[in-house]
């Protein structure tokens, strides 16, 4: 239900935005490129396991970082950056931004970007709202402050669901491939054993189908944003 509600909100937001505004990024134009993204980073227990898999498979990804967790585990955030992956902003407290004032939204984003910059020396460009929830006016305000909104076109649905728990690794793999259409941004999370177990099969199957893995910047370019 949470996933379904998040998608509905994201679709409404996309449809409500004026063409004059900067576009929401949800996929790229090259049908054989894939951008693998992980939300809720860093995880003390699982992120380094994800990084080991990505390194072994020679795959680059994008990690959307939560500010307070970056402060707790700066060495993991630095490792993400040092190994060539991109880092995006996922708020400071994993907050549902629709429940915050504009001032509090920007405080969360700016604190998180500042933490990431102090650790990596790199400026944050991309932002993904927790739960996929945002309004048109919130989006416009955030973009005016220099961030690019990133959603997703394929979802691993690999987070804990109240009522029925966590998907199995096999179910996560099936969920990813059920929604692929090419040029996708895949949404996953690097904070569970199930995702760690599913990731090698996801990568291997995508490679067998002829997909190449790229960063968000490589996927969208300046001329490929939708």
N, C-alpha and C. Protein backbone atom coordinates (compact mmCIF):
# COMPACT_ATOMS: atom_id res chain seq x y z
N UNK A 1 0.83 -1.21 0.00
CA UNK A 1 0.00 0.00 0.00
C UNK A 1 0.86 1.26 0.00
N UNK A 2 1.95 1.25 0.80
CA UNK A 2 2.83 2.41 0.84
C UNK A 2 3.45 2.66 -0.53
N UNK A 3 3.94 1.60 -1.17
CA UNK A 3 4.54 1.74 -2.51
C UNK A 3 3.52 2.29 -3.50
N UNK A 4 2.31 1.72 -3.47
CA UNK A 4 1.27 2.16 -4.39
C UNK A 4 0.92 3.62 -4.18
N UNK A 5 0.80 4.03 -2.92
CA UNK A 5 0.49 5.42 -2.62
C UNK A 5 1.60 6.35 -3.09
N UNK A 6 2.86 5.89 -2.92
CA UNK A 6 4.00 6.72 -3.33
C UNK A 6 3.99 6.94 -4.84
N UNK A 7 3.72 5.89 -5.59
CA UNK A 7 3.69 5.99 -7.05
C UNK A 7 2.57 6.92 -7.50
N UNK A 8 1.39 6.77 -6.89
CA UNK A 8 0.26 7.63 -7.25
C UNK A 8 0.61 9.09 -7.02
N UNK A 9 1.24 9.36 -5.87
CA UNK A 9 1.62 10.75 -5.56
C UNK A 9 2.63 11.27 -6.55
N UNK A 10 3.59 10.44 -6.93
CA UNK A 10 4.61 10.86 -7.88
C UNK A 10 4.00 11.15 -9.25
N UNK A 11 3.06 10.31 -9.67
CA UNK A 11 2.42 10.51 -10.97
C UNK A 11 1.62 11.81 -10.97
N UNK A 12 0.89 12.06 -9.87
CA UNK A 12 0.11 13.29 -9.78
C UNK A 12 1.03 14.50 -9.86
N UNK A 13 2.16 14.41 -9.17
CA UNK A 13 3.10 15.53 -9.18
C UNK A 13 3.66 15.78 -10.57
N UNK A 14 3.97 14.70 -11.29
CA UNK A 14 4.51 14.84 -12.65
C UNK A 14 3.49 15.51 -13.56
N UNK A 15 2.24 15.06 -13.48
CA UNK A 15 1.21 15.60 -14.36
C UNK A 15 0.89 17.05 -14.04
N UNK A 16 1.11 17.45 -12.79
CA UNK A 16 0.73 18.80 -12.37
C UNK A 16 1.76 19.85 -12.71
N UNK A 17 2.95 19.44 -13.11
CA UNK A 17 4.05 20.39 -13.29
C UNK A 17 3.96 21.09 -14.63
N UNK A 18 4.20 22.38 -14.62
CA UNK A 18 4.20 23.17 -15.84
C UNK A 18 5.40 22.83 -16.70
N UNK A 19 5.25 22.80 -18.05
CA UNK A 19 6.37 22.50 -18.94
C UNK A 19 7.54 23.46 -18.79
N UNK A 20 7.30 24.64 -18.22
CA UNK A 20 8.39 25.61 -18.08
C UNK A 20 9.37 25.21 -17.00
N UNK A 21 8.96 24.28 -16.16
CA UNK A 21 9.81 23.89 -15.03
C UNK A 21 10.84 22.86 -15.46
N UNK A 22 11.92 22.74 -14.67
CA UNK A 22 12.92 21.71 -14.93
C UNK A 22 12.27 20.35 -14.78
N UNK A 23 12.62 19.41 -15.65
CA UNK A 23 11.92 18.12 -15.66
C UNK A 23 12.31 17.20 -14.52
N UNK A 24 11.36 16.43 -14.05
CA UNK A 24 11.66 15.34 -13.13
C UNK A 24 12.38 14.24 -13.92
N UNK A 25 13.41 13.69 -13.32
CA UNK A 25 14.19 12.65 -13.99
C UNK A 25 13.68 11.29 -13.53
N UNK A 26 13.16 10.49 -14.44
CA UNK A 26 12.71 9.16 -14.05
C UNK A 26 13.25 8.06 -14.96
N UNK A 27 13.79 8.44 -16.11
CA UNK A 27 14.48 7.45 -16.93
C UNK A 27 15.28 8.18 -18.01
N UNK A 28 16.06 7.41 -18.78
CA UNK A 28 16.86 7.96 -19.85
C UNK A 28 16.38 7.48 -21.21
N UNK A 29 16.96 7.99 -22.26
CA UNK A 29 16.50 7.67 -23.60
C UNK A 29 17.16 6.43 -24.19
N UNK A 30 18.34 6.07 -23.72
CA UNK A 30 19.03 4.90 -24.26
C UNK A 30 18.39 3.64 -23.68
N UNK A 31 17.74 2.81 -24.50
CA UNK A 31 17.00 1.65 -23.98
C UNK A 31 17.88 0.55 -23.42
N UNK A 32 19.19 0.64 -23.61
CA UNK A 32 20.08 -0.41 -23.11
C UNK A 32 20.93 0.06 -21.94
N UNK A 33 20.60 1.21 -21.38
CA UNK A 33 21.31 1.69 -20.20
C UNK A 33 20.42 1.60 -18.96
N UNK A 34 21.05 1.29 -17.84
CA UNK A 34 20.36 1.17 -16.57
C UNK A 34 21.11 1.98 -15.52
N UNK A 35 20.37 2.75 -14.72
CA UNK A 35 20.96 3.42 -13.57
C UNK A 35 20.42 2.75 -12.31
N UNK A 36 21.31 2.12 -11.58
CA UNK A 36 20.95 1.44 -10.35
C UNK A 36 21.09 2.43 -9.19
N UNK A 37 20.02 2.61 -8.41
CA UNK A 37 20.05 3.57 -7.31
C UNK A 37 19.64 2.90 -6.00
N UNK A 38 20.23 3.38 -4.91
CA UNK A 38 19.93 2.84 -3.59
C UNK A 38 19.53 3.96 -2.65
N UNK A 39 18.37 3.82 -2.02
CA UNK A 39 17.90 4.81 -1.05
C UNK A 39 18.29 4.41 0.38
N UNK A 40 18.23 5.39 1.27
CA UNK A 40 18.39 5.22 2.72
C UNK A 40 19.82 4.89 3.13
N UNK A 41 20.80 5.25 2.32
CA UNK A 41 22.20 5.01 2.66
C UNK A 41 22.66 5.98 3.74
N UNK A 42 23.75 5.66 4.44
CA UNK A 42 24.44 4.36 4.41
C UNK A 42 23.91 3.43 5.51
N UNK A 43 24.05 2.15 5.26
CA UNK A 43 23.72 1.13 6.25
C UNK A 43 25.02 0.54 6.79
N UNK A 44 25.20 0.59 8.10
CA UNK A 44 26.43 0.06 8.70
C UNK A 44 26.60 -1.42 8.40
N UNK A 45 25.48 -2.13 8.31
CA UNK A 45 25.53 -3.59 8.17
C UNK A 45 25.61 -4.05 6.72
N UNK A 46 25.01 -3.28 5.77
CA UNK A 46 24.85 -3.83 4.42
C UNK A 46 25.48 -3.03 3.29
N UNK A 47 25.70 -1.73 3.46
CA UNK A 47 26.18 -0.93 2.33
C UNK A 47 27.52 -1.42 1.80
N UNK A 48 28.43 -1.76 2.67
CA UNK A 48 29.73 -2.23 2.20
C UNK A 48 29.63 -3.56 1.47
N UNK A 49 28.65 -4.38 1.84
CA UNK A 49 28.42 -5.62 1.10
C UNK A 49 27.92 -5.32 -0.31
N UNK A 50 27.04 -4.31 -0.41
CA UNK A 50 26.57 -3.87 -1.73
C UNK A 50 27.74 -3.33 -2.54
N UNK A 51 28.59 -2.53 -1.91
CA UNK A 51 29.75 -1.98 -2.61
C UNK A 51 30.69 -3.07 -3.10
N UNK A 52 30.86 -4.10 -2.32
CA UNK A 52 31.72 -5.21 -2.74
C UNK A 52 31.16 -5.89 -3.99
N UNK A 53 29.85 -6.07 -4.03
CA UNK A 53 29.22 -6.68 -5.21
C UNK A 53 29.39 -5.78 -6.43
N UNK A 54 29.13 -4.51 -6.26
CA UNK A 54 29.26 -3.57 -7.37
C UNK A 54 30.70 -3.53 -7.90
N UNK A 55 31.66 -3.56 -7.00
CA UNK A 55 33.06 -3.54 -7.41
C UNK A 55 33.42 -4.81 -8.17
N UNK A 56 32.97 -5.93 -7.67
CA UNK A 56 33.25 -7.21 -8.33
C UNK A 56 32.63 -7.26 -9.72
N UNK A 57 31.45 -6.67 -9.87
CA UNK A 57 30.74 -6.71 -11.14
C UNK A 57 31.07 -5.51 -12.04
N UNK A 58 31.94 -4.61 -11.56
CA UNK A 58 32.32 -3.41 -12.31
C UNK A 58 31.09 -2.58 -12.68
N UNK A 59 30.26 -2.32 -11.69
CA UNK A 59 29.02 -1.58 -11.86
C UNK A 59 29.07 -0.32 -11.00
N UNK A 60 28.68 0.80 -11.60
CA UNK A 60 28.56 2.05 -10.85
C UNK A 60 27.08 2.33 -10.56
N UNK A 61 26.83 2.94 -9.40
CA UNK A 61 25.46 3.18 -8.96
C UNK A 61 25.37 4.56 -8.32
N UNK A 62 24.16 4.92 -7.90
CA UNK A 62 23.92 6.17 -7.19
C UNK A 62 23.27 5.86 -5.86
N UNK A 63 23.80 6.45 -4.79
CA UNK A 63 23.31 6.21 -3.43
C UNK A 63 22.67 7.49 -2.90
N UNK A 64 21.39 7.42 -2.54
CA UNK A 64 20.70 8.56 -1.96
C UNK A 64 20.85 8.48 -0.44
N UNK A 65 21.59 9.44 0.09
CA UNK A 65 22.07 9.41 1.47
C UNK A 65 21.18 10.20 2.41
N UNK A 66 20.96 9.65 3.60
CA UNK A 66 20.27 10.32 4.68
C UNK A 66 21.32 11.00 5.55
N UNK A 67 21.11 12.29 5.85
CA UNK A 67 22.13 13.08 6.50
C UNK A 67 22.62 12.57 7.83
N UNK A 68 21.71 12.21 8.73
CA UNK A 68 22.15 11.79 10.06
C UNK A 68 22.91 10.47 9.99
N UNK A 69 22.55 9.61 9.03
CA UNK A 69 23.27 8.35 8.89
C UNK A 69 24.67 8.58 8.31
N UNK A 70 24.78 9.58 7.44
CA UNK A 70 26.10 9.94 6.91
C UNK A 70 27.01 10.43 8.03
N UNK A 71 26.45 11.18 8.98
CA UNK A 71 27.24 11.63 10.12
C UNK A 71 27.66 10.47 11.00
N UNK A 72 26.82 9.46 11.12
CA UNK A 72 27.16 8.30 11.93
C UNK A 72 28.23 7.44 11.27
N UNK A 73 28.18 7.32 9.94
CA UNK A 73 29.09 6.42 9.22
C UNK A 73 29.78 7.13 8.06
N UNK A 74 30.55 8.16 8.35
CA UNK A 74 31.20 8.92 7.27
C UNK A 74 32.16 8.09 6.44
N UNK A 75 32.78 7.09 7.07
CA UNK A 75 33.74 6.26 6.33
C UNK A 75 33.05 5.47 5.22
N UNK A 76 31.79 5.11 5.42
CA UNK A 76 31.06 4.38 4.38
C UNK A 76 30.69 5.33 3.24
N UNK A 77 30.26 6.53 3.58
CA UNK A 77 29.93 7.52 2.55
C UNK A 77 31.17 7.84 1.73
N UNK A 78 32.30 7.98 2.39
CA UNK A 78 33.55 8.26 1.68
C UNK A 78 33.91 7.10 0.75
N UNK A 79 33.69 5.89 1.20
CA UNK A 79 33.97 4.72 0.37
C UNK A 79 33.08 4.70 -0.87
N UNK A 80 31.81 5.05 -0.68
CA UNK A 80 30.90 5.13 -1.83
C UNK A 80 31.47 6.08 -2.88
N UNK A 81 31.87 7.25 -2.44
CA UNK A 81 32.41 8.25 -3.36
C UNK A 81 33.75 7.82 -3.95
N UNK A 82 34.64 7.32 -3.11
CA UNK A 82 35.98 6.93 -3.57
C UNK A 82 35.93 5.82 -4.61
N UNK A 83 34.90 5.00 -4.56
CA UNK A 83 34.80 3.89 -5.52
C UNK A 83 34.05 4.28 -6.78
N UNK A 84 33.78 5.58 -6.94
CA UNK A 84 33.26 6.07 -8.22
C UNK A 84 31.76 6.13 -8.35
N UNK A 85 31.04 5.97 -7.26
CA UNK A 85 29.58 6.03 -7.31
C UNK A 85 29.11 7.46 -7.05
N UNK A 86 27.92 7.78 -7.53
CA UNK A 86 27.34 9.10 -7.29
C UNK A 86 26.56 9.09 -5.98
N UNK A 87 26.42 10.27 -5.39
CA UNK A 87 25.68 10.40 -4.14
C UNK A 87 24.62 11.48 -4.30
N UNK A 88 23.40 11.14 -3.89
CA UNK A 88 22.29 12.09 -3.92
C UNK A 88 21.78 12.36 -2.52
N UNK A 89 20.89 13.32 -2.40
CA UNK A 89 20.33 13.78 -1.14
C UNK A 89 18.97 13.12 -0.89
N UNK A 90 18.78 12.59 0.32
CA UNK A 90 17.53 11.91 0.67
C UNK A 90 16.97 12.47 1.98
N UNK A 91 17.23 13.76 2.23
CA UNK A 91 16.88 14.50 3.44
C UNK A 91 17.76 14.08 4.62
N UNK A 92 17.65 14.83 5.70
CA UNK A 92 18.49 14.56 6.87
C UNK A 92 17.91 13.48 7.77
N UNK A 93 16.59 13.43 7.88
CA UNK A 93 15.94 12.49 8.80
C UNK A 93 15.02 11.50 8.10
N UNK A 94 15.12 11.39 6.78
CA UNK A 94 14.18 10.58 5.99
C UNK A 94 12.75 11.10 6.21
N UNK A 95 12.59 12.40 6.11
CA UNK A 95 11.32 13.04 6.40
C UNK A 95 10.39 13.06 5.20
N UNK A 96 9.12 12.91 5.47
CA UNK A 96 8.09 13.11 4.45
C UNK A 96 7.96 14.62 4.26
N UNK A 97 8.48 15.15 3.16
CA UNK A 97 8.60 16.60 3.05
C UNK A 97 7.25 17.30 2.98
N UNK A 98 6.19 16.59 2.62
CA UNK A 98 4.86 17.22 2.57
C UNK A 98 4.37 17.60 3.97
N UNK A 99 5.03 17.11 5.01
CA UNK A 99 4.63 17.44 6.38
C UNK A 99 5.49 18.54 6.98
N UNK A 100 6.43 19.10 6.18
CA UNK A 100 7.36 20.10 6.68
C UNK A 100 7.09 21.47 6.06
N UNK A 101 7.52 22.50 6.76
CA UNK A 101 7.50 23.85 6.19
C UNK A 101 8.62 23.96 5.16
N UNK A 102 8.54 24.96 4.28
CA UNK A 102 9.60 25.16 3.29
C UNK A 102 10.94 25.35 3.99
N UNK A 103 10.92 26.11 5.09
CA UNK A 103 12.16 26.37 5.82
C UNK A 103 12.77 25.07 6.33
N UNK A 104 11.94 24.19 6.88
CA UNK A 104 12.45 22.94 7.42
C UNK A 104 12.91 21.99 6.31
N UNK A 105 12.21 22.02 5.18
CA UNK A 105 12.65 21.19 4.05
C UNK A 105 14.06 21.57 3.63
N UNK A 106 14.28 22.85 3.41
CA UNK A 106 15.59 23.29 2.95
C UNK A 106 16.66 23.10 4.01
N UNK A 107 16.27 23.20 5.28
CA UNK A 107 17.24 22.94 6.35
C UNK A 107 17.70 21.49 6.28
N UNK A 108 16.76 20.56 6.05
CA UNK A 108 17.13 19.15 5.95
C UNK A 108 18.02 18.88 4.74
N UNK A 109 17.65 19.46 3.61
CA UNK A 109 18.45 19.24 2.40
C UNK A 109 19.83 19.85 2.53
N UNK A 110 19.88 21.08 3.04
CA UNK A 110 21.17 21.77 3.14
C UNK A 110 22.08 21.11 4.16
N UNK A 111 21.53 20.63 5.28
CA UNK A 111 22.35 19.93 6.25
C UNK A 111 22.95 18.66 5.65
N UNK A 112 22.12 17.93 4.91
CA UNK A 112 22.58 16.68 4.30
C UNK A 112 23.65 16.95 3.25
N UNK A 113 23.41 17.94 2.39
CA UNK A 113 24.41 18.27 1.37
C UNK A 113 25.72 18.72 2.00
N UNK A 114 25.61 19.47 3.10
CA UNK A 114 26.81 19.94 3.79
C UNK A 114 27.61 18.77 4.37
N UNK A 115 26.91 17.82 4.96
CA UNK A 115 27.57 16.63 5.51
C UNK A 115 28.27 15.86 4.40
N UNK A 116 27.58 15.65 3.30
CA UNK A 116 28.16 14.91 2.18
C UNK A 116 29.39 15.63 1.62
N UNK A 117 29.29 16.95 1.50
CA UNK A 117 30.43 17.72 0.98
C UNK A 117 31.63 17.63 1.91
N UNK A 118 31.39 17.71 3.20
CA UNK A 118 32.49 17.62 4.15
C UNK A 118 33.20 16.27 4.07
N UNK A 119 32.44 15.23 3.78
CA UNK A 119 33.01 13.87 3.72
C UNK A 119 33.70 13.61 2.39
N UNK A 120 33.08 14.06 1.30
CA UNK A 120 33.54 13.68 -0.04
C UNK A 120 34.19 14.80 -0.82
N UNK A 121 33.91 16.06 -0.44
CA UNK A 121 34.40 17.19 -1.22
C UNK A 121 33.62 17.41 -2.49
N UNK A 122 32.45 16.76 -2.62
CA UNK A 122 31.65 16.85 -3.84
C UNK A 122 30.29 17.47 -3.56
N UNK A 123 29.85 18.33 -4.48
CA UNK A 123 28.56 18.98 -4.37
C UNK A 123 27.44 18.02 -4.78
N UNK A 124 26.37 18.04 -4.03
CA UNK A 124 25.22 17.19 -4.33
C UNK A 124 24.31 17.87 -5.35
N UNK A 125 23.92 17.12 -6.36
CA UNK A 125 23.04 17.65 -7.42
C UNK A 125 21.64 17.04 -7.33
N UNK A 126 21.57 15.73 -7.09
CA UNK A 126 20.30 15.02 -7.19
C UNK A 126 19.59 14.90 -5.84
N UNK A 127 18.27 14.94 -5.89
CA UNK A 127 17.44 14.79 -4.69
C UNK A 127 16.30 13.82 -4.99
N UNK A 128 16.08 12.90 -4.07
CA UNK A 128 14.90 12.02 -4.17
C UNK A 128 14.10 12.14 -2.88
N UNK A 129 12.84 12.52 -2.96
CA UNK A 129 12.02 12.68 -1.76
C UNK A 129 11.68 11.33 -1.14
N UNK A 130 11.86 11.18 0.16
CA UNK A 130 11.44 9.93 0.80
C UNK A 130 9.97 9.62 0.53
N UNK A 131 9.70 8.36 0.28
CA UNK A 131 8.35 7.85 -0.01
C UNK A 131 7.81 8.33 -1.35
N UNK A 132 8.57 9.15 -2.08
CA UNK A 132 8.10 9.68 -3.35
C UNK A 132 7.07 10.78 -3.20
N UNK A 133 6.89 11.32 -2.00
CA UNK A 133 5.84 12.31 -1.76
C UNK A 133 6.39 13.73 -1.89
N UNK A 134 5.70 14.57 -2.65
CA UNK A 134 6.03 15.99 -2.74
C UNK A 134 4.90 16.71 -3.47
N UNK A 135 4.85 18.01 -3.32
CA UNK A 135 3.87 18.81 -4.05
C UNK A 135 4.58 19.61 -5.14
N UNK A 136 3.79 20.15 -6.04
CA UNK A 136 4.35 20.97 -7.12
C UNK A 136 5.14 22.15 -6.56
N UNK A 137 4.57 22.83 -5.58
CA UNK A 137 5.25 24.02 -5.04
C UNK A 137 6.52 23.63 -4.30
N UNK A 138 6.51 22.51 -3.59
CA UNK A 138 7.72 22.05 -2.90
C UNK A 138 8.81 21.71 -3.91
N UNK A 139 8.40 21.05 -4.96
CA UNK A 139 9.36 20.69 -5.99
C UNK A 139 9.99 21.94 -6.61
N UNK A 140 9.17 22.92 -6.95
CA UNK A 140 9.67 24.14 -7.57
C UNK A 140 10.65 24.86 -6.65
N UNK A 141 10.31 24.91 -5.36
CA UNK A 141 11.17 25.56 -4.39
C UNK A 141 12.51 24.84 -4.28
N UNK A 142 12.48 23.52 -4.23
CA UNK A 142 13.71 22.74 -4.11
C UNK A 142 14.57 22.89 -5.36
N UNK A 143 13.94 22.87 -6.53
CA UNK A 143 14.70 23.03 -7.78
C UNK A 143 15.30 24.43 -7.88
N UNK A 144 14.59 25.42 -7.39
CA UNK A 144 15.12 26.78 -7.41
C UNK A 144 16.36 26.91 -6.54
N UNK A 145 16.52 25.97 -5.62
CA UNK A 145 17.70 25.96 -4.76
C UNK A 145 18.78 25.03 -5.29
N UNK A 146 18.67 24.63 -6.56
CA UNK A 146 19.76 23.96 -7.23
C UNK A 146 19.74 22.45 -7.29
N UNK A 147 18.66 21.82 -6.83
CA UNK A 147 18.59 20.36 -6.85
C UNK A 147 17.78 19.87 -8.06
N UNK A 148 18.12 18.66 -8.51
CA UNK A 148 17.37 18.00 -9.57
C UNK A 148 16.61 16.82 -8.97
N UNK A 149 15.29 16.80 -9.20
CA UNK A 149 14.46 15.72 -8.70
C UNK A 149 14.71 14.43 -9.47
N UNK A 150 14.84 13.33 -8.74
CA UNK A 150 15.01 12.01 -9.37
C UNK A 150 13.99 11.05 -8.79
N UNK A 151 13.18 10.46 -9.64
CA UNK A 151 12.26 9.41 -9.22
C UNK A 151 12.79 8.07 -9.73
N UNK A 152 11.94 7.23 -10.27
CA UNK A 152 12.37 5.92 -10.73
C UNK A 152 11.35 5.36 -11.70
N UNK A 153 11.78 4.41 -12.52
CA UNK A 153 10.87 3.77 -13.46
C UNK A 153 10.75 2.26 -13.20
N UNK A 154 11.59 1.73 -12.32
CA UNK A 154 11.52 0.32 -11.93
C UNK A 154 11.81 0.24 -10.44
N UNK A 155 11.04 -0.56 -9.72
CA UNK A 155 11.13 -0.57 -8.26
C UNK A 155 11.34 -1.99 -7.75
N UNK A 156 12.42 -2.18 -6.98
CA UNK A 156 12.68 -3.49 -6.38
C UNK A 156 11.70 -3.79 -5.25
N UNK A 157 11.06 -2.75 -4.73
CA UNK A 157 10.08 -2.92 -3.65
C UNK A 157 10.70 -3.73 -2.50
N UNK A 158 11.94 -3.40 -2.18
CA UNK A 158 12.74 -4.21 -1.26
C UNK A 158 12.84 -3.60 0.13
N UNK A 159 11.73 -3.07 0.62
CA UNK A 159 11.72 -2.52 1.97
C UNK A 159 10.63 -3.21 2.77
N UNK A 160 10.70 -3.07 4.07
CA UNK A 160 9.76 -3.76 4.95
C UNK A 160 8.37 -3.16 4.83
N UNK A 161 7.39 -4.02 4.62
CA UNK A 161 6.00 -3.59 4.51
C UNK A 161 5.25 -3.97 5.78
N UNK A 162 4.65 -3.00 6.42
CA UNK A 162 3.86 -3.31 7.61
C UNK A 162 2.73 -4.26 7.24
N UNK A 163 2.63 -5.33 7.97
CA UNK A 163 1.55 -6.29 7.71
C UNK A 163 2.02 -7.58 7.09
N UNK A 164 2.98 -7.47 6.14
CA UNK A 164 3.44 -8.73 5.52
C UNK A 164 4.94 -8.85 5.42
N UNK A 165 5.67 -7.87 5.89
CA UNK A 165 7.11 -8.04 6.04
C UNK A 165 7.93 -7.70 4.82
N UNK A 166 8.99 -8.46 4.64
CA UNK A 166 10.00 -8.18 3.62
C UNK A 166 9.91 -9.18 2.49
N UNK A 167 10.11 -8.72 1.26
CA UNK A 167 10.16 -9.63 0.12
C UNK A 167 11.37 -10.55 0.23
N UNK A 168 11.24 -11.73 -0.35
CA UNK A 168 12.38 -12.64 -0.45
C UNK A 168 13.31 -12.15 -1.57
N UNK A 169 14.57 -12.60 -1.59
CA UNK A 169 15.46 -12.22 -2.70
C UNK A 169 14.87 -12.57 -4.07
N UNK A 170 14.23 -13.73 -4.16
CA UNK A 170 13.64 -14.15 -5.43
C UNK A 170 12.52 -13.21 -5.86
N UNK A 171 11.73 -12.76 -4.88
CA UNK A 171 10.63 -11.85 -5.18
C UNK A 171 11.16 -10.47 -5.60
N UNK A 172 12.26 -10.04 -4.98
CA UNK A 172 12.86 -8.76 -5.35
C UNK A 172 13.32 -8.79 -6.80
N UNK A 173 13.98 -9.88 -7.19
CA UNK A 173 14.44 -10.02 -8.58
C UNK A 173 13.26 -9.94 -9.54
N UNK A 174 12.20 -10.69 -9.25
CA UNK A 174 11.02 -10.69 -10.12
C UNK A 174 10.38 -9.31 -10.19
N UNK A 175 10.37 -8.62 -9.06
CA UNK A 175 9.75 -7.29 -9.02
C UNK A 175 10.49 -6.30 -9.92
N UNK A 176 11.83 -6.37 -9.90
CA UNK A 176 12.62 -5.49 -10.76
C UNK A 176 12.30 -5.73 -12.22
N UNK A 177 12.32 -6.98 -12.63
CA UNK A 177 12.17 -7.29 -14.05
C UNK A 177 10.73 -7.17 -14.53
N UNK A 178 9.79 -7.07 -13.61
CA UNK A 178 8.39 -6.92 -14.04
C UNK A 178 8.09 -5.54 -14.58
N UNK A 179 8.95 -4.57 -14.28
CA UNK A 179 8.65 -3.19 -14.68
C UNK A 179 9.71 -2.56 -15.57
N UNK A 180 10.70 -3.32 -16.02
CA UNK A 180 11.73 -2.75 -16.89
C UNK A 180 11.15 -2.42 -18.26
N UNK A 181 11.60 -1.28 -18.81
CA UNK A 181 11.18 -0.91 -20.16
C UNK A 181 12.33 -0.32 -20.96
N UNK A 182 13.49 -0.18 -20.35
CA UNK A 182 14.66 0.36 -21.04
C UNK A 182 14.97 1.77 -20.61
N UNK A 183 16.24 2.06 -20.41
CA UNK A 183 16.64 3.37 -19.94
C UNK A 183 16.22 3.63 -18.52
N UNK A 184 16.07 2.56 -17.74
CA UNK A 184 15.43 2.68 -16.43
C UNK A 184 16.34 3.19 -15.33
N UNK A 185 15.70 3.85 -14.37
CA UNK A 185 16.29 4.12 -13.06
C UNK A 185 15.65 3.12 -12.10
N UNK A 186 16.46 2.23 -11.56
CA UNK A 186 15.95 1.21 -10.65
C UNK A 186 16.07 1.71 -9.21
N UNK A 187 14.98 1.66 -8.49
CA UNK A 187 14.96 2.02 -7.07
C UNK A 187 15.14 0.77 -6.23
N UNK A 188 16.19 0.78 -5.39
CA UNK A 188 16.42 -0.28 -4.42
C UNK A 188 16.89 0.36 -3.12
N UNK A 189 17.15 -0.47 -2.11
CA UNK A 189 17.63 0.01 -0.82
C UNK A 189 18.83 -0.85 -0.39
N UNK A 190 19.83 -0.20 0.18
CA UNK A 190 21.04 -0.94 0.55
C UNK A 190 21.08 -1.23 2.04
N UNK A 191 19.92 -1.60 2.60
CA UNK A 191 19.86 -1.80 4.04
C UNK A 191 19.16 -3.09 4.45
N UNK A 192 19.28 -4.13 3.59
CA UNK A 192 18.69 -5.42 3.97
C UNK A 192 19.48 -6.58 3.39
N UNK A 193 19.45 -7.68 4.10
CA UNK A 193 20.12 -8.90 3.64
C UNK A 193 19.50 -9.42 2.35
N UNK A 194 18.17 -9.26 2.22
CA UNK A 194 17.48 -9.75 1.04
C UNK A 194 17.95 -9.03 -0.22
N UNK A 195 18.17 -7.73 -0.13
CA UNK A 195 18.66 -6.99 -1.28
C UNK A 195 20.07 -7.41 -1.64
N UNK A 196 20.91 -7.60 -0.64
CA UNK A 196 22.29 -8.06 -0.88
C UNK A 196 22.28 -9.40 -1.60
N UNK A 197 21.38 -10.28 -1.22
CA UNK A 197 21.30 -11.59 -1.85
C UNK A 197 20.74 -11.50 -3.27
N UNK A 198 19.81 -10.56 -3.48
CA UNK A 198 19.18 -10.44 -4.80
C UNK A 198 20.06 -9.71 -5.82
N UNK A 199 20.93 -8.83 -5.35
CA UNK A 199 21.67 -7.94 -6.24
C UNK A 199 22.51 -8.65 -7.29
N UNK A 200 23.30 -9.69 -6.94
CA UNK A 200 24.10 -10.35 -7.99
C UNK A 200 23.25 -10.92 -9.13
N UNK A 201 22.10 -11.48 -8.80
CA UNK A 201 21.23 -12.03 -9.84
C UNK A 201 20.63 -10.92 -10.70
N UNK A 202 20.26 -9.82 -10.07
CA UNK A 202 19.73 -8.69 -10.84
C UNK A 202 20.76 -8.19 -11.84
N UNK A 203 21.98 -7.99 -11.35
CA UNK A 203 23.05 -7.50 -12.22
C UNK A 203 23.36 -8.49 -13.33
N UNK A 204 23.49 -9.76 -12.98
CA UNK A 204 23.84 -10.78 -13.97
C UNK A 204 22.76 -10.89 -15.04
N UNK A 205 21.50 -10.89 -14.63
CA UNK A 205 20.40 -11.00 -15.60
C UNK A 205 20.35 -9.78 -16.52
N UNK A 206 20.60 -8.60 -15.97
CA UNK A 206 20.59 -7.41 -16.79
C UNK A 206 21.74 -7.43 -17.80
N UNK A 207 22.89 -7.88 -17.37
CA UNK A 207 24.03 -7.99 -18.30
C UNK A 207 23.73 -8.99 -19.41
N UNK A 208 23.11 -10.10 -19.06
CA UNK A 208 22.77 -11.11 -20.06
C UNK A 208 21.77 -10.57 -21.07
N UNK A 209 20.95 -9.66 -20.68
CA UNK A 209 19.97 -9.04 -21.59
C UNK A 209 20.56 -7.88 -22.38
N UNK A 210 21.85 -7.62 -22.18
CA UNK A 210 22.53 -6.61 -22.98
C UNK A 210 22.50 -5.21 -22.41
N UNK A 211 22.11 -5.06 -21.14
CA UNK A 211 22.09 -3.75 -20.52
C UNK A 211 23.48 -3.38 -20.00
N UNK A 212 23.79 -2.09 -20.03
CA UNK A 212 25.00 -1.58 -19.41
C UNK A 212 24.60 -0.68 -18.24
N UNK A 213 25.45 -0.63 -17.22
CA UNK A 213 25.16 0.14 -16.01
C UNK A 213 25.88 1.47 -16.06
N UNK A 214 25.15 2.53 -15.79
CA UNK A 214 25.72 3.88 -15.85
C UNK A 214 25.25 4.67 -14.62
N UNK A 215 25.94 5.76 -14.36
CA UNK A 215 25.50 6.66 -13.30
C UNK A 215 24.29 7.46 -13.78
N UNK A 216 23.64 8.15 -12.86
CA UNK A 216 22.52 9.01 -13.26
C UNK A 216 22.96 10.06 -14.26
N UNK A 217 24.10 10.67 -14.01
CA UNK A 217 24.60 11.69 -14.92
C UNK A 217 24.81 11.13 -16.31
N UNK A 218 25.37 9.93 -16.39
CA UNK A 218 25.59 9.30 -17.69
C UNK A 218 24.27 8.91 -18.34
N UNK A 219 23.29 8.50 -17.55
CA UNK A 219 22.01 8.06 -18.10
C UNK A 219 21.23 9.21 -18.73
N UNK A 220 21.18 10.33 -18.03
CA UNK A 220 20.29 11.39 -18.50
C UNK A 220 20.99 12.43 -19.36
N UNK A 221 22.28 12.72 -19.09
CA UNK A 221 22.96 13.77 -19.82
C UNK A 221 22.16 15.07 -19.75
N UNK A 222 22.56 16.05 -20.47
CA UNK A 222 21.80 17.31 -20.51
C UNK A 222 20.67 17.25 -21.52
N UNK A 223 20.81 16.32 -22.50
CA UNK A 223 19.78 16.27 -23.54
C UNK A 223 18.83 15.11 -23.40
N UNK A 224 19.00 14.26 -22.35
CA UNK A 224 18.21 13.06 -22.25
C UNK A 224 17.25 13.07 -21.07
N UNK A 225 16.94 14.22 -20.50
CA UNK A 225 16.06 14.27 -19.34
C UNK A 225 14.60 14.26 -19.82
N UNK A 226 13.77 13.55 -19.06
CA UNK A 226 12.35 13.47 -19.41
C UNK A 226 11.50 14.00 -18.27
